[in-house]
């Protein structure tokens, strides 16, 4: 019992980590260091101190040579190459490689949009989408065209723009072999082949292949002439007719005869004139 009354000094000496330093062994310092640096879960608790501080990435992917610090990270990465998607949505059966991708996808089904724009109150179901949206408010245009120096908010917009500098038409119609620079142009063109007229006039039920054709048609029902000439006050239903009319005031004759160099305001006049040369 006597030995219980004795007070003995603590003789334990903690193992010193070379990364913290000799004089910085306060409880807060050690806790902070552990939380920020030693993020070791139960699967990697066998890692030594030198493994954690080292930038060594010993686990290499045999498919793309990408390297990883932990074997578990390599295993997750290999799912991409193996097209392994173990995380399945119970609502639509869509599968995902990573669990966090599934979690983001589930927000779509719940209609939950927790990320709100402070400028216009628009909401988003992903933080990344909100960040991209904020570029519009900040007038942020980080993507620059190296050909003409034009700036763009989104990379996708830059990629579409770059095609305008190229004459390459990679989107081919399998029915008439006509080619297009943009996929949207091909899709627009395919409506003609399908004779699909999805745009219907609510007044007379006439259908149109393209929305712009419907818009022009609707002006006829309303007899709306929204294009006014500032010179003679004449009104026009269609912008195209208005543009053609302006040539009269400007005396612009852009259609030139290649035979006698005579110029014409309208293409139809030019074509009629060419027929005269054909009779010579």
Protein backbone atom coordinates (compact mmCIF):
# COMPACT_ATOMS: atom_id res chain seq x y z
CA UNK A 1 0.00 0.00 0.00
CA UNK A 2 2.93 2.30 0.77
CA UNK A 3 4.02 2.34 -2.81
CA UNK A 4 0.65 3.83 -3.87
CA UNK A 5 1.38 6.93 -1.81
CA UNK A 6 4.60 7.59 -3.62
CA UNK A 7 4.58 10.19 -6.37
CA UNK A 8 6.82 9.37 -9.25
CA UNK A 9 7.66 11.60 -12.25
CA UNK A 10 6.49 10.57 -15.72
CA UNK A 11 9.38 8.99 -17.54
CA UNK A 12 7.66 8.48 -20.93
CA UNK A 13 9.36 10.32 -23.78
CA UNK A 14 7.17 10.72 -26.87
CA UNK A 15 8.61 9.80 -30.24
CA UNK A 16 9.62 13.00 -31.97
CA UNK A 17 8.40 13.65 -35.52
CA UNK A 18 11.06 15.36 -37.59
CA UNK A 19 8.41 17.35 -39.46
CA UNK A 20 6.94 19.13 -36.38
CA UNK A 21 10.11 20.32 -34.75
CA UNK A 22 11.79 19.91 -31.38
CA UNK A 23 10.25 22.92 -29.63
CA UNK A 24 6.72 22.70 -31.00
CA UNK A 25 5.18 19.87 -29.01
CA UNK A 26 2.11 21.66 -27.63
CA UNK A 27 -1.17 19.76 -27.69
CA UNK A 28 -2.74 22.14 -30.20
CA UNK A 29 0.24 21.99 -32.53
CA UNK A 30 0.28 18.22 -32.54
CA UNK A 31 -3.49 18.00 -33.04
CA UNK A 32 -3.36 20.48 -35.90
CA UNK A 33 -0.51 18.60 -37.50
CA UNK A 34 -2.29 15.28 -37.22
CA UNK A 35 -5.56 16.58 -38.65
CA UNK A 36 -3.90 18.33 -41.57
CA UNK A 37 -1.12 15.96 -42.45
CA UNK A 38 -1.68 12.48 -41.02
CA UNK A 39 -4.94 11.69 -42.77
CA UNK A 40 -4.53 7.96 -42.24
CA UNK A 41 -7.64 5.81 -42.08
CA UNK A 42 -7.87 2.30 -40.76
CA UNK A 43 -6.95 0.90 -44.15
CA UNK A 44 -3.68 2.79 -44.26
CA UNK A 45 -2.75 2.85 -40.57
CA UNK A 46 0.26 0.71 -41.29
CA UNK A 47 1.94 3.58 -43.13
CA UNK A 48 5.11 4.79 -41.50
CA UNK A 49 5.92 8.41 -40.72
CA UNK A 50 8.31 8.66 -43.66
CA UNK A 51 5.63 7.32 -46.05
CA UNK A 52 3.23 10.12 -45.11
CA UNK A 53 5.70 12.98 -45.54
CA UNK A 54 7.14 11.58 -48.74
CA UNK A 55 5.81 12.56 -52.16
CA UNK A 56 6.51 9.07 -53.39
CA UNK A 57 3.78 7.49 -55.53
CA UNK A 58 4.67 3.82 -55.75
CA UNK A 59 1.35 2.57 -57.13
CA UNK A 60 1.37 2.93 -60.90
CA UNK A 61 -1.45 2.30 -63.36
CA UNK A 62 -0.36 -0.14 -66.07
CA UNK A 63 -2.82 1.39 -68.55
CA UNK A 64 -1.97 5.08 -68.47
CA UNK A 65 1.13 5.23 -66.22
CA UNK A 66 -0.60 7.53 -63.73
CA UNK A 67 0.82 7.10 -60.22
CA UNK A 68 -0.81 7.14 -56.79
CA UNK A 69 0.33 7.40 -53.18
CA UNK A 70 -2.08 4.76 -51.90
CA UNK A 71 -3.12 1.43 -53.34
CA UNK A 72 -6.77 2.20 -52.60
CA UNK A 73 -6.60 5.23 -54.90
CA UNK A 74 -5.17 3.09 -57.68
CA UNK A 75 -8.03 0.61 -57.27
CA UNK A 76 -10.60 3.39 -57.63
CA UNK A 77 -8.76 4.73 -60.69
CA UNK A 78 -8.75 1.31 -62.37
CA UNK A 79 -12.54 1.38 -62.45
CA UNK A 80 -12.31 3.94 -65.23
CA UNK A 81 -10.26 1.63 -67.43
CA UNK A 82 -12.41 -1.39 -66.61
CA UNK A 83 -15.63 0.59 -67.05
CA UNK A 84 -16.53 -0.62 -63.58
CA UNK A 85 -19.50 1.31 -62.21
CA UNK A 86 -20.53 -0.25 -58.91
CA UNK A 87 -22.68 2.65 -57.70
CA UNK A 88 -26.16 2.38 -59.18
CA UNK A 89 -29.04 4.84 -59.00
CA UNK A 90 -32.18 3.19 -57.63
CA UNK A 91 -34.39 5.62 -59.56
CA UNK A 92 -33.15 5.30 -63.13
CA UNK A 93 -30.57 2.47 -62.95
CA UNK A 94 -27.79 4.75 -64.16
CA UNK A 95 -24.40 3.61 -62.84
CA UNK A 96 -21.37 5.55 -61.65
CA UNK A 97 -17.71 4.87 -61.02
CA UNK A 98 -17.54 6.95 -57.85
CA UNK A 99 -19.97 7.27 -54.96
CA UNK A 100 -19.79 11.08 -54.90
CA UNK A 101 -20.90 11.09 -58.56
CA UNK A 102 -23.94 9.05 -57.58
CA UNK A 103 -24.71 11.46 -54.72
CA UNK A 104 -24.62 14.42 -57.11
CA UNK A 105 -26.84 12.56 -59.56
CA UNK A 106 -29.42 11.81 -56.85
CA UNK A 107 -29.94 15.55 -56.39
CA UNK A 108 -31.47 15.62 -59.87
CA UNK A 109 -34.18 13.16 -58.83
CA UNK A 110 -34.93 15.03 -55.63
CA UNK A 111 -35.13 18.39 -57.43
CA UNK A 112 -33.01 19.71 -54.61
CA UNK A 113 -30.94 22.75 -55.56
CA UNK A 114 -29.01 23.76 -52.45
CA UNK A 115 -26.56 26.08 -54.21
CA UNK A 116 -28.06 29.54 -54.66
CA UNK A 117 -26.66 32.49 -56.61
CA UNK A 118 -26.54 35.59 -54.40
CA UNK A 119 -26.87 37.87 -57.43
CA UNK A 120 -29.94 36.54 -59.21
CA UNK A 121 -31.30 33.90 -56.77
CA UNK A 122 -30.97 31.14 -59.37
CA UNK A 123 -30.37 27.76 -57.76
CA UNK A 124 -28.20 24.81 -58.78
CA UNK A 125 -27.93 21.21 -57.68
CA UNK A 126 -24.14 21.19 -57.99
CA UNK A 127 -21.57 23.59 -56.58
CA UNK A 128 -19.58 23.37 -59.81
CA UNK A 129 -22.61 24.59 -61.78
CA UNK A 130 -22.95 27.58 -59.46
CA UNK A 131 -19.27 28.47 -59.93
CA UNK A 132 -19.65 28.36 -63.71
CA UNK A 133 -22.79 30.50 -63.49
CA UNK A 134 -21.02 33.15 -61.38
CA UNK A 135 -18.65 33.82 -64.25
CA UNK A 136 -21.52 35.54 -66.05
CA UNK A 137 -22.10 37.97 -63.19
CA UNK A 138 -18.38 38.61 -62.78
CA UNK A 139 -17.90 38.97 -66.55
CA UNK A 140 -15.17 36.40 -66.18
CA UNK A 141 -13.83 35.12 -69.51
CA UNK A 142 -10.83 32.89 -68.86
CA UNK A 143 -10.80 31.14 -72.25
CA UNK A 144 -9.01 33.00 -75.05
CA UNK A 145 -8.95 32.26 -78.76
CA UNK A 146 -5.32 32.18 -79.90
CA UNK A 147 -6.33 33.13 -83.44
CA UNK A 148 -8.36 36.32 -82.89
CA UNK A 149 -7.89 36.91 -79.12
CA UNK A 150 -11.64 36.77 -78.48
CA UNK A 151 -12.50 35.79 -74.90
CA UNK A 152 -15.12 33.32 -73.72
CA UNK A 153 -16.77 32.47 -70.42
CA UNK A 154 -16.90 28.74 -71.06
CA UNK A 155 -14.48 26.33 -72.69
CA UNK A 156 -17.30 24.79 -74.69
CA UNK A 157 -18.02 28.19 -76.27
CA UNK A 158 -14.36 28.56 -77.22
CA UNK A 159 -14.33 25.12 -78.84
CA UNK A 160 -17.39 26.00 -80.92
CA UNK A 161 -15.82 29.33 -81.90
CA UNK A 162 -12.56 27.71 -83.00
CA UNK A 163 -14.44 25.84 -85.70
CA UNK A 164 -15.26 29.18 -87.32
CA UNK A 165 -11.55 29.67 -88.01
CA UNK A 166 -11.38 26.26 -89.63
CA UNK A 167 -12.96 25.17 -92.90
CA UNK A 168 -13.18 21.63 -91.57
CA UNK A 169 -16.71 20.24 -91.56
CA UNK A 170 -16.65 17.14 -89.42
CA UNK A 171 -20.41 16.53 -89.15
CA UNK A 172 -21.64 14.72 -92.26
CA UNK A 173 -25.20 13.96 -93.27
CA UNK A 174 -25.51 10.24 -94.06
CA UNK A 175 -28.44 10.89 -96.41
CA UNK A 176 -27.13 13.57 -98.77
CA UNK A 177 -23.46 13.81 -97.69
CA UNK A 178 -23.77 17.50 -96.90
CA UNK A 179 -21.26 18.55 -94.24
CA UNK A 180 -21.53 20.95 -91.32
CA UNK A 181 -19.09 22.69 -89.01
CA UNK A 182 -21.32 22.28 -85.96
CA UNK A 183 -23.37 19.33 -84.76
CA UNK A 184 -26.32 21.65 -84.16
CA UNK A 185 -26.24 22.51 -87.88
CA UNK A 186 -26.42 18.84 -88.80
CA UNK A 187 -29.33 18.25 -86.41
CA UNK A 188 -31.13 21.24 -87.88
CA UNK A 189 -30.54 19.88 -91.39
CA UNK A 190 -31.79 16.38 -90.53
CA UNK A 191 -35.24 17.80 -89.78
CA UNK A 192 -35.61 18.40 -93.52
CA UNK A 193 -34.93 14.76 -94.37
CA UNK A 194 -37.31 13.53 -91.71
CA UNK A 195 -39.96 15.99 -92.88
CA UNK A 196 -40.40 16.67 -89.20
CA UNK A 197 -42.44 19.78 -88.57
CA UNK A 198 -42.54 20.14 -84.83
CA UNK A 199 -43.30 23.87 -84.70
CA UNK A 200 -47.06 24.40 -85.04
CA UNK A 201 -48.91 27.67 -85.51
CA UNK A 202 -51.52 28.10 -82.73
CA UNK A 203 -53.72 30.19 -85.06
CA UNK A 204 -54.06 28.06 -88.22
CA UNK A 205 -52.31 24.82 -87.15
CA UNK A 206 -49.80 25.06 -89.99
CA UNK A 207 -46.57 23.29 -89.09
CA UNK A 208 -42.97 24.26 -89.74
CA UNK A 209 -39.63 22.50 -89.67
CA UNK A 210 -37.79 25.40 -88.06
CA UNK A 211 -38.81 27.73 -85.24
CA UNK A 212 -37.66 30.82 -87.11
CA UNK A 213 -40.07 29.92 -89.96
CA UNK A 214 -42.91 29.76 -87.45
CA UNK A 215 -41.92 33.15 -86.01
CA UNK A 216 -41.98 34.71 -89.47
CA UNK A 217 -45.36 33.10 -90.16
CA UNK A 218 -46.84 34.44 -86.92
CA UNK A 219 -46.06 37.98 -88.04
CA UNK A 220 -48.42 37.47 -90.96
CA UNK A 221 -51.30 36.57 -88.64
CA UNK A 222 -50.71 39.64 -86.54
CA UNK A 223 -50.01 41.78 -89.59
CA UNK A 224 -47.28 43.18 -87.42
CA UNK A 225 -44.77 45.31 -89.26
CA UNK A 226 -42.06 45.88 -86.72
CA UNK A 227 -39.28 46.95 -89.11
CA UNK A 228 -39.55 50.64 -90.00
CA UNK A 229 -37.42 52.56 -92.47
CA UNK A 230 -36.14 55.78 -90.88
CA UNK A 231 -35.83 57.45 -94.28
CA UNK A 232 -39.26 56.92 -95.83
CA UNK A 233 -41.18 55.46 -92.85
CA UNK A 234 -42.14 52.36 -94.82
CA UNK A 235 -42.94 49.34 -92.64
CA UNK A 236 -41.94 45.74 -93.18
CA UNK A 237 -43.04 42.45 -91.67
CA UNK A 238 -39.72 40.70 -92.15
CA UNK A 239 -36.21 41.89 -91.40
CA UNK A 240 -34.95 40.45 -94.67
CA UNK A 241 -37.39 42.57 -96.70
CA UNK A 242 -36.39 45.61 -94.68
CA UNK A 243 -32.68 45.00 -95.38
CA UNK A 244 -33.33 44.65 -99.11
CA UNK A 245 -35.35 47.90 -99.08
CA UNK A 246 -32.49 49.84 -97.48
CA UNK A 247 -30.33 49.18 -100.54
CA UNK A 248 -32.52 51.60 -102.50
CA UNK A 249 -31.69 54.47 -100.17
CA UNK A 250 -28.01 53.62 -100.02
CA UNK A 251 -27.82 53.13 -103.81
CA UNK A 252 -25.86 50.00 -103.03
CA UNK A 253 -25.57 47.73 -106.04
CA UNK A 254 -23.74 44.66 -104.90
CA UNK A 255 -24.70 42.35 -107.79
CA UNK A 256 -22.32 42.94 -110.69
CA UNK A 257 -22.51 41.44 -114.17
CA UNK A 258 -19.30 39.60 -115.02
CA UNK A 259 -19.86 40.24 -118.75
CA UNK A 260 -20.48 43.99 -118.97
CA UNK A 261 -19.79 45.09 -115.37
CA UNK A 262 -23.27 46.55 -114.96
CA UNK A 263 -24.41 46.56 -111.32
CA UNK A 264 -27.79 45.83 -109.77
CA UNK A 265 -29.46 46.41 -106.42
CA UNK A 266 -31.33 43.13 -106.41
CA UNK A 267 -30.18 39.63 -107.25
CA UNK A 268 -33.32 38.90 -109.25
CA UNK A 269 -32.56 41.89 -111.51
CA UNK A 270 -29.03 40.63 -111.92
CA UNK A 271 -30.26 37.15 -112.90
CA UNK A 272 -32.73 38.60 -115.41
CA UNK A 273 -29.93 40.67 -116.95
CA UNK A 274 -27.66 37.62 -117.30
CA UNK A 275 -30.33 35.90 -119.36
CA UNK A 276 -30.05 38.72 -121.89
CA UNK A 277 -26.37 37.93 -122.37
CA UNK A 278 -27.29 34.30 -122.81
CA UNK A 279 -29.48 35.19 -125.79
CA UNK A 280 -26.64 37.00 -127.53
